[in-house]
N, C-alpha and C. Protein backbone atom coordinates (compact mmCIF):
# COMPACT_ATOMS: atom_id res chain seq x y z
N MET A 1 77.70 99.39 89.33
CA MET A 1 79.06 99.17 88.95
C MET A 1 79.05 98.12 87.85
N TYR A 2 79.88 98.33 86.83
CA TYR A 2 79.94 97.41 85.71
C TYR A 2 81.30 96.71 85.71
N ALA A 3 81.32 95.43 85.36
CA ALA A 3 82.55 94.65 85.35
C ALA A 3 82.76 94.02 83.99
N LEU A 4 84.02 93.66 83.72
CA LEU A 4 84.40 93.09 82.43
C LEU A 4 84.20 91.58 82.39
N ASP A 5 84.62 90.87 83.42
CA ASP A 5 84.56 89.41 83.44
C ASP A 5 84.44 88.95 84.89
N THR A 6 84.55 87.63 85.12
CA THR A 6 84.33 87.12 86.47
C THR A 6 85.39 87.60 87.45
N GLU A 7 86.65 87.71 87.03
CA GLU A 7 87.68 88.24 87.93
C GLU A 7 87.38 89.70 88.26
N ALA A 8 86.99 90.45 87.26
CA ALA A 8 86.62 91.84 87.49
C ALA A 8 85.33 91.92 88.32
N GLU A 9 84.46 90.95 88.14
CA GLU A 9 83.23 90.96 88.93
C GLU A 9 83.56 90.78 90.41
N ARG A 10 84.54 89.92 90.71
CA ARG A 10 84.97 89.75 92.10
C ARG A 10 85.55 91.07 92.63
N LEU A 11 86.33 91.75 91.81
CA LEU A 11 86.87 93.05 92.17
C LEU A 11 85.72 94.04 92.41
N GLY A 12 84.76 94.05 91.50
CA GLY A 12 83.61 94.94 91.63
C GLY A 12 82.81 94.66 92.89
N GLU A 13 82.60 93.37 93.21
CA GLU A 13 81.86 93.01 94.42
C GLU A 13 82.58 93.51 95.67
N SER A 14 83.90 93.38 95.68
CA SER A 14 84.68 93.82 96.84
C SER A 14 84.60 95.34 97.01
N ILE A 15 84.77 96.06 95.92
CA ILE A 15 84.67 97.53 95.97
C ILE A 15 83.25 97.93 96.35
N ASN A 16 82.27 97.28 95.73
CA ASN A 16 80.87 97.59 96.01
C ASN A 16 80.56 97.43 97.49
N GLN A 17 81.05 96.35 98.11
CA GLN A 17 80.78 96.13 99.53
C GLN A 17 81.38 97.25 100.38
N GLU A 18 82.59 97.68 100.04
CA GLU A 18 83.21 98.78 100.79
C GLU A 18 82.42 100.07 100.62
N LEU A 19 81.90 100.30 99.43
CA LEU A 19 81.11 101.52 99.19
C LEU A 19 79.76 101.45 99.89
N VAL A 20 79.18 100.26 99.98
CA VAL A 20 77.94 100.10 100.74
C VAL A 20 78.22 100.38 102.21
N ASP A 21 79.33 99.84 102.73
CA ASP A 21 79.71 100.11 104.12
C ASP A 21 79.97 101.60 104.34
N PHE A 22 80.44 102.28 103.31
CA PHE A 22 80.69 103.72 103.36
C PHE A 22 79.38 104.50 103.46
N GLY A 23 78.32 103.96 102.82
CA GLY A 23 77.03 104.64 102.88
C GLY A 23 76.27 104.70 101.56
N PHE A 24 76.84 104.17 100.49
CA PHE A 24 76.14 104.14 99.22
C PHE A 24 75.06 103.07 99.23
N GLN A 25 74.05 103.26 98.39
CA GLN A 25 73.01 102.25 98.22
C GLN A 25 73.59 101.10 97.41
N ASP A 26 73.25 99.88 97.76
CA ASP A 26 73.76 98.69 97.07
C ASP A 26 72.98 98.47 95.79
N LEU A 27 73.58 98.82 94.67
CA LEU A 27 72.94 98.60 93.37
C LEU A 27 73.51 97.37 92.67
N GLY A 28 74.46 96.70 93.33
CA GLY A 28 75.02 95.48 92.79
C GLY A 28 76.08 95.73 91.73
N VAL A 29 76.56 94.62 91.18
CA VAL A 29 77.59 94.64 90.13
C VAL A 29 77.02 93.91 88.93
N VAL A 30 77.17 94.50 87.76
CA VAL A 30 76.65 93.92 86.53
C VAL A 30 77.83 93.64 85.60
N GLU A 31 77.91 92.42 85.08
CA GLU A 31 78.96 92.09 84.12
C GLU A 31 78.56 92.64 82.75
N ARG A 32 79.42 93.54 82.21
CA ARG A 32 79.14 94.18 80.92
C ARG A 32 80.39 94.18 80.07
N PRO A 33 80.78 93.06 79.47
CA PRO A 33 82.03 92.99 78.72
C PRO A 33 82.03 93.81 77.44
N GLY A 34 80.88 94.25 76.96
CA GLY A 34 80.83 95.01 75.72
C GLY A 34 81.04 96.50 75.87
N LEU A 35 81.15 97.02 77.11
CA LEU A 35 81.34 98.45 77.29
C LEU A 35 82.68 98.89 76.69
N VAL A 36 82.67 99.94 75.94
CA VAL A 36 83.86 100.41 75.23
C VAL A 36 85.03 100.64 76.19
N VAL A 37 84.77 101.24 77.35
CA VAL A 37 85.86 101.57 78.27
C VAL A 37 86.41 100.34 78.99
N LEU A 38 85.76 99.20 78.88
CA LEU A 38 86.21 98.00 79.56
C LEU A 38 86.70 96.89 78.62
N ARG A 39 86.21 96.84 77.41
CA ARG A 39 86.37 95.63 76.60
C ARG A 39 87.79 95.34 76.13
N ARG A 40 88.66 96.31 76.04
CA ARG A 40 90.01 96.04 75.54
C ARG A 40 91.05 95.97 76.66
N THR A 41 90.62 95.95 77.89
CA THR A 41 91.57 95.85 78.98
C THR A 41 92.10 94.43 79.07
N GLN A 42 93.32 94.31 79.55
CA GLN A 42 93.93 92.99 79.71
C GLN A 42 94.16 92.69 81.18
N MET A 43 93.33 93.27 82.02
CA MET A 43 93.41 93.08 83.46
C MET A 43 92.01 93.27 84.02
N PRO A 44 91.80 92.90 85.27
CA PRO A 44 90.47 93.15 85.84
C PRO A 44 90.14 94.64 85.77
N ALA A 45 88.95 94.96 85.31
CA ALA A 45 88.56 96.36 85.16
C ALA A 45 87.11 96.54 85.57
N VAL A 46 86.84 97.63 86.27
CA VAL A 46 85.48 97.97 86.66
C VAL A 46 85.22 99.43 86.34
N LEU A 47 83.97 99.75 86.14
CA LEU A 47 83.53 101.12 85.92
C LEU A 47 82.58 101.46 87.05
N MET A 48 82.91 102.50 87.80
CA MET A 48 82.09 102.89 88.94
C MET A 48 81.39 104.21 88.64
N GLU A 49 80.11 104.26 88.95
CA GLU A 49 79.34 105.50 88.86
C GLU A 49 78.99 105.87 90.29
N LEU A 50 79.69 106.85 90.83
CA LEU A 50 79.56 107.16 92.26
C LEU A 50 78.69 108.37 92.56
N GLY A 51 78.22 109.02 91.55
CA GLY A 51 77.39 110.18 91.80
C GLY A 51 77.09 110.89 90.49
N PHE A 52 76.30 111.94 90.63
CA PHE A 52 75.90 112.71 89.46
C PHE A 52 76.23 114.18 89.68
N ILE A 53 76.81 114.80 88.70
CA ILE A 53 77.27 116.17 88.81
C ILE A 53 76.11 117.14 89.04
N ASN A 54 74.92 116.79 88.63
CA ASN A 54 73.77 117.68 88.81
C ASN A 54 72.98 117.37 90.07
N ASN A 55 73.55 116.58 91.00
CA ASN A 55 72.88 116.23 92.24
C ASN A 55 73.62 116.91 93.40
N ASP A 56 72.94 117.84 94.07
CA ASP A 56 73.58 118.60 95.15
C ASP A 56 74.08 117.72 96.28
N MET A 57 73.32 116.67 96.63
CA MET A 57 73.75 115.78 97.72
C MET A 57 75.03 115.02 97.33
N ASP A 58 75.08 114.55 96.09
CA ASP A 58 76.29 113.86 95.62
C ASP A 58 77.48 114.80 95.66
N ASN A 59 77.30 116.02 95.18
CA ASN A 59 78.40 116.99 95.17
C ASN A 59 78.86 117.32 96.59
N GLN A 60 77.93 117.43 97.52
CA GLN A 60 78.30 117.71 98.90
C GLN A 60 79.12 116.55 99.48
N MET A 61 78.71 115.32 99.17
CA MET A 61 79.45 114.16 99.65
C MET A 61 80.86 114.14 99.07
N PHE A 62 81.00 114.45 97.79
CA PHE A 62 82.32 114.50 97.17
C PHE A 62 83.18 115.57 97.83
N ASP A 63 82.59 116.72 98.13
CA ASP A 63 83.33 117.81 98.75
C ASP A 63 83.77 117.48 100.17
N GLU A 64 82.89 116.85 100.93
CA GLU A 64 83.14 116.65 102.37
C GLU A 64 83.78 115.32 102.72
N ARG A 65 83.59 114.29 101.89
CA ARG A 65 84.05 112.95 102.27
C ARG A 65 84.83 112.25 101.17
N PHE A 66 85.44 113.02 100.27
CA PHE A 66 86.12 112.43 99.12
C PHE A 66 87.22 111.45 99.53
N ASP A 67 88.07 111.84 100.48
CA ASP A 67 89.17 110.97 100.89
C ASP A 67 88.66 109.65 101.47
N GLU A 68 87.58 109.72 102.25
CA GLU A 68 86.99 108.49 102.81
C GLU A 68 86.47 107.58 101.69
N MET A 69 85.87 108.20 100.67
CA MET A 69 85.34 107.44 99.54
C MET A 69 86.48 106.74 98.80
N VAL A 70 87.56 107.47 98.57
CA VAL A 70 88.73 106.88 97.89
C VAL A 70 89.29 105.74 98.72
N ASN A 71 89.39 105.92 100.01
CA ASN A 71 89.91 104.86 100.88
C ASN A 71 89.03 103.62 100.82
N ALA A 72 87.73 103.78 100.73
CA ALA A 72 86.83 102.63 100.61
C ALA A 72 87.11 101.88 99.31
N ILE A 73 87.32 102.59 98.22
CA ILE A 73 87.62 101.96 96.94
C ILE A 73 88.96 101.22 97.02
N VAL A 74 89.97 101.86 97.57
CA VAL A 74 91.29 101.24 97.70
C VAL A 74 91.21 99.97 98.55
N THR A 75 90.47 100.03 99.64
CA THR A 75 90.31 98.85 100.50
C THR A 75 89.66 97.71 99.72
N GLY A 76 88.66 98.03 98.92
CA GLY A 76 88.00 97.02 98.09
C GLY A 76 88.95 96.39 97.10
N VAL A 77 89.80 97.20 96.48
CA VAL A 77 90.78 96.67 95.53
C VAL A 77 91.78 95.79 96.26
N GLU A 78 92.29 96.25 97.39
CA GLU A 78 93.29 95.47 98.13
C GLU A 78 92.72 94.14 98.61
N ARG A 79 91.46 94.09 98.96
CA ARG A 79 90.87 92.83 99.41
C ARG A 79 90.67 91.86 98.25
N ALA A 80 90.37 92.37 97.07
CA ALA A 80 90.12 91.51 95.92
C ALA A 80 91.41 91.07 95.24
N ILE A 81 92.41 91.96 95.23
CA ILE A 81 93.67 91.67 94.54
C ILE A 81 94.80 91.99 95.51
N PRO A 82 95.20 91.03 96.34
CA PRO A 82 96.28 91.30 97.29
C PRO A 82 97.56 91.70 96.58
N LEU A 83 98.30 92.61 97.20
CA LEU A 83 99.56 93.06 96.62
C LEU A 83 100.59 91.95 96.67
N ASP A 84 101.39 91.87 95.62
CA ASP A 84 102.51 90.93 95.57
C ASP A 84 103.72 91.68 96.09
N ASN A 85 104.11 91.40 97.31
CA ASN A 85 105.23 92.12 97.92
C ASN A 85 106.59 91.64 97.46
N SER A 86 106.63 90.64 96.57
CA SER A 86 107.92 90.15 96.09
C SER A 86 108.56 91.13 95.11
N VAL A 87 107.76 92.00 94.51
CA VAL A 87 108.29 93.00 93.59
C VAL A 87 108.62 94.25 94.39
N SER A 88 109.87 94.67 94.33
CA SER A 88 110.26 95.78 95.20
C SER A 88 110.82 96.97 94.43
N LYS A 89 110.71 96.99 93.14
CA LYS A 89 111.22 98.11 92.35
C LYS A 89 110.06 98.91 91.77
N TYR A 90 110.19 100.23 91.84
CA TYR A 90 109.15 101.12 91.33
C TYR A 90 109.76 102.12 90.37
N GLY A 91 108.98 102.51 89.39
CA GLY A 91 109.39 103.54 88.46
C GLY A 91 108.26 104.54 88.28
N VAL A 92 108.55 105.59 87.53
CA VAL A 92 107.54 106.62 87.27
C VAL A 92 107.34 106.69 85.76
N GLN A 93 106.15 106.30 85.32
CA GLN A 93 105.83 106.35 83.90
C GLN A 93 105.48 107.78 83.53
N ILE A 94 106.11 108.29 82.48
CA ILE A 94 105.82 109.66 82.06
C ILE A 94 105.35 109.74 80.62
N GLY A 95 105.28 108.63 79.95
CA GLY A 95 104.81 108.66 78.58
C GLY A 95 104.34 107.29 78.14
N LEU A 96 103.36 107.27 77.25
CA LEU A 96 102.85 106.04 76.66
C LEU A 96 102.59 106.35 75.19
N PHE A 97 103.33 105.67 74.31
CA PHE A 97 103.31 106.01 72.89
C PHE A 97 102.96 104.81 72.05
N ARG A 98 102.30 105.08 70.95
CA ARG A 98 101.99 104.03 69.99
C ARG A 98 103.22 103.73 69.13
N HIS A 99 104.06 104.74 68.90
CA HIS A 99 105.24 104.56 68.04
C HIS A 99 106.51 104.54 68.90
N GLU A 100 107.30 103.52 68.71
CA GLU A 100 108.51 103.34 69.50
C GLU A 100 109.47 104.52 69.34
N SER A 101 109.51 105.12 68.17
CA SER A 101 110.43 106.24 67.94
C SER A 101 110.12 107.42 68.86
N ASN A 102 108.85 107.66 69.15
CA ASN A 102 108.49 108.74 70.07
C ASN A 102 108.95 108.43 71.49
N ALA A 103 108.80 107.18 71.90
CA ALA A 103 109.25 106.77 73.23
C ALA A 103 110.77 106.89 73.34
N GLU A 104 111.47 106.47 72.31
CA GLU A 104 112.94 106.54 72.33
C GLU A 104 113.43 107.98 72.35
N TYR A 105 112.73 108.87 71.66
CA TYR A 105 113.10 110.28 71.67
C TYR A 105 113.00 110.86 73.08
N LEU A 106 111.89 110.55 73.77
CA LEU A 106 111.72 111.02 75.14
C LEU A 106 112.76 110.40 76.06
N ARG A 107 113.06 109.11 75.86
CA ARG A 107 114.09 108.45 76.66
C ARG A 107 115.42 109.16 76.53
N GLU A 108 115.80 109.50 75.30
CA GLU A 108 117.07 110.19 75.06
C GLU A 108 117.10 111.55 75.75
N GLN A 109 115.99 112.27 75.69
CA GLN A 109 115.92 113.58 76.35
C GLN A 109 116.13 113.43 77.86
N LEU A 110 115.46 112.49 78.45
CA LEU A 110 115.55 112.30 79.90
C LEU A 110 116.93 111.80 80.32
N GLU A 111 117.51 110.91 79.53
CA GLU A 111 118.85 110.42 79.86
C GLU A 111 119.87 111.55 79.79
N SER A 112 119.68 112.49 78.86
CA SER A 112 120.60 113.62 78.77
C SER A 112 120.49 114.54 79.99
N GLN A 113 119.36 114.41 80.73
CA GLN A 113 119.17 115.18 81.96
C GLN A 113 119.64 114.40 83.19
N GLY A 114 120.18 113.18 82.95
CA GLY A 114 120.74 112.39 84.03
C GLY A 114 119.82 111.35 84.64
N TYR A 115 118.67 111.13 84.05
CA TYR A 115 117.73 110.13 84.58
C TYR A 115 118.04 108.74 84.05
N PHE A 116 117.74 107.72 84.85
CA PHE A 116 117.76 106.33 84.40
C PHE A 116 116.39 106.07 83.79
N VAL A 117 116.35 105.67 82.51
CA VAL A 117 115.09 105.56 81.78
C VAL A 117 115.04 104.22 81.04
N THR A 118 113.88 103.61 81.06
CA THR A 118 113.65 102.41 80.26
C THR A 118 112.40 102.62 79.41
N VAL A 119 112.37 101.93 78.29
CA VAL A 119 111.18 101.90 77.44
C VAL A 119 110.68 100.46 77.48
N ARG A 120 109.46 100.30 77.93
CA ARG A 120 108.88 98.95 78.08
C ARG A 120 107.74 98.79 77.09
N ARG A 121 107.79 97.72 76.34
CA ARG A 121 106.71 97.41 75.39
C ARG A 121 105.51 96.91 76.17
N ASP A 122 104.40 97.57 76.01
CA ASP A 122 103.13 97.19 76.63
C ASP A 122 102.11 97.17 75.49
N ASP A 123 102.18 96.10 74.71
CA ASP A 123 101.49 95.98 73.43
C ASP A 123 100.08 96.57 73.47
N PRO A 124 99.71 97.46 72.60
CA PRO A 124 100.44 97.93 71.43
C PRO A 124 101.23 99.22 71.68
N TYR A 125 101.52 99.54 72.95
CA TYR A 125 102.14 100.80 73.29
C TYR A 125 103.57 100.61 73.79
N PHE A 126 104.28 101.73 73.92
CA PHE A 126 105.61 101.78 74.49
C PHE A 126 105.58 102.76 75.65
N ALA A 127 105.87 102.24 76.85
CA ALA A 127 105.83 103.06 78.06
C ALA A 127 107.23 103.56 78.37
N VAL A 128 107.34 104.85 78.69
CA VAL A 128 108.61 105.45 79.10
C VAL A 128 108.59 105.54 80.62
N ILE A 129 109.54 104.84 81.26
CA ILE A 129 109.56 104.75 82.72
C ILE A 129 110.89 105.27 83.24
N VAL A 130 110.79 106.19 84.18
CA VAL A 130 111.97 106.82 84.78
C VAL A 130 112.22 106.17 86.14
N GLY A 131 113.48 105.83 86.40
CA GLY A 131 113.88 105.32 87.71
C GLY A 131 113.64 103.84 87.89
N ARG A 132 114.27 103.34 88.91
CA ARG A 132 114.09 101.95 89.37
C ARG A 132 114.34 101.99 90.86
N GLU A 133 113.33 102.48 91.58
CA GLU A 133 113.47 102.78 93.00
C GLU A 133 113.14 101.56 93.86
N ASP A 134 113.84 101.44 94.99
CA ASP A 134 113.64 100.31 95.90
C ASP A 134 112.40 100.46 96.77
N SER A 135 111.91 101.67 96.95
CA SER A 135 110.76 101.86 97.82
C SER A 135 109.73 102.75 97.13
N LEU A 136 108.50 102.59 97.57
CA LEU A 136 107.42 103.42 97.05
C LEU A 136 107.65 104.88 97.41
N GLU A 137 108.19 105.12 98.60
CA GLU A 137 108.48 106.49 99.04
C GLU A 137 109.49 107.17 98.11
N ALA A 138 110.54 106.44 97.72
CA ALA A 138 111.53 106.99 96.80
C ALA A 138 110.89 107.27 95.43
N ALA A 139 110.00 106.40 95.00
CA ALA A 139 109.30 106.62 93.73
C ALA A 139 108.41 107.85 93.81
N LYS A 140 107.77 108.07 94.95
CA LYS A 140 106.93 109.26 95.12
C LYS A 140 107.78 110.53 95.07
N ASP A 141 108.97 110.48 95.66
CA ASP A 141 109.88 111.64 95.60
C ASP A 141 110.28 111.92 94.15
N LEU A 142 110.60 110.87 93.41
CA LEU A 142 110.95 111.03 91.99
C LEU A 142 109.76 111.56 91.21
N GLN A 143 108.58 111.05 91.52
CA GLN A 143 107.37 111.53 90.86
C GLN A 143 107.17 113.02 91.10
N ASP A 144 107.36 113.46 92.34
CA ASP A 144 107.21 114.88 92.66
C ASP A 144 108.20 115.72 91.85
N GLN A 145 109.42 115.26 91.76
CA GLN A 145 110.45 115.97 90.99
C GLN A 145 110.06 116.07 89.52
N LEU A 146 109.60 114.97 88.94
CA LEU A 146 109.20 114.98 87.53
C LEU A 146 107.97 115.85 87.29
N ARG A 147 107.06 115.86 88.22
CA ARG A 147 105.87 116.72 88.09
C ARG A 147 106.27 118.19 88.12
N GLN A 148 107.25 118.54 88.98
CA GLN A 148 107.73 119.92 89.03
C GLN A 148 108.37 120.33 87.72
N GLU A 149 108.88 119.35 86.99
CA GLU A 149 109.47 119.63 85.68
C GLU A 149 108.43 119.62 84.56
N GLY A 150 107.16 119.40 84.92
CA GLY A 150 106.08 119.52 83.96
C GLY A 150 105.59 118.23 83.35
N TYR A 151 106.04 117.08 83.85
CA TYR A 151 105.60 115.80 83.30
C TYR A 151 104.35 115.30 84.01
N ASP A 152 103.47 114.66 83.24
CA ASP A 152 102.36 113.91 83.81
C ASP A 152 102.93 112.56 84.22
N THR A 153 102.59 112.08 85.40
CA THR A 153 103.26 110.90 85.92
C THR A 153 102.30 109.85 86.46
N LEU A 154 102.83 108.65 86.57
CA LEU A 154 102.11 107.51 87.12
C LEU A 154 103.15 106.56 87.70
N ILE A 155 103.05 106.23 88.98
CA ILE A 155 103.99 105.28 89.58
C ILE A 155 103.60 103.87 89.14
N VAL A 156 104.61 103.11 88.70
CA VAL A 156 104.40 101.74 88.24
C VAL A 156 105.47 100.84 88.85
N ARG A 157 105.22 99.56 88.81
CA ARG A 157 106.26 98.61 89.21
C ARG A 157 107.22 98.44 88.04
N ALA A 158 108.49 98.59 88.35
CA ALA A 158 109.50 98.55 87.29
C ALA A 158 109.96 97.14 87.01
C-alpha cells in the first residue's frame, strides 16, 4: 500500500491492519508522495493493490469475498478518520467541471426538472450537487432516482 504523507500513512496503516486481519499478507505501507495518482490530492490518500487480474486465487477471492474485503477497508478508514457527526446534510454530486459555465448549464437543466441544485467551487473544479438531504438514507434514495435518469452519482456532504 502506498501513502501520500504521514496522515495518509496512518490511514494506510489502519486499512492495512484490517486487510491483514482479513487474510492478506502484511506487506506494510510505503510513503510515496511522488506517485501521480496521489501527489495532487488535498486530503489523506492511499493506493491499494489488492490482487492481480492474472492470478486465479486473487480472482476467486474477489468473486467469493468481495463484500468482506470492502468492509475491511471501510473499517480501516473509519478507525483512522472518525466521522464528524455534526454535519447532517447530504447531497448527490452528478458533475465535476473545470469550467464554471458547464456546471451552471447542468444546474439550470436540473432546476428546470424541479431539483434543488448547488454549484460548489472545489478548486480548480466546480461540483454540481443535487439536494440537501437530512439523512444518508434520503440521499441514497435521491441517488437512486438520479441514476435511473442516467446520471453518474456520488453522495457527498452538502
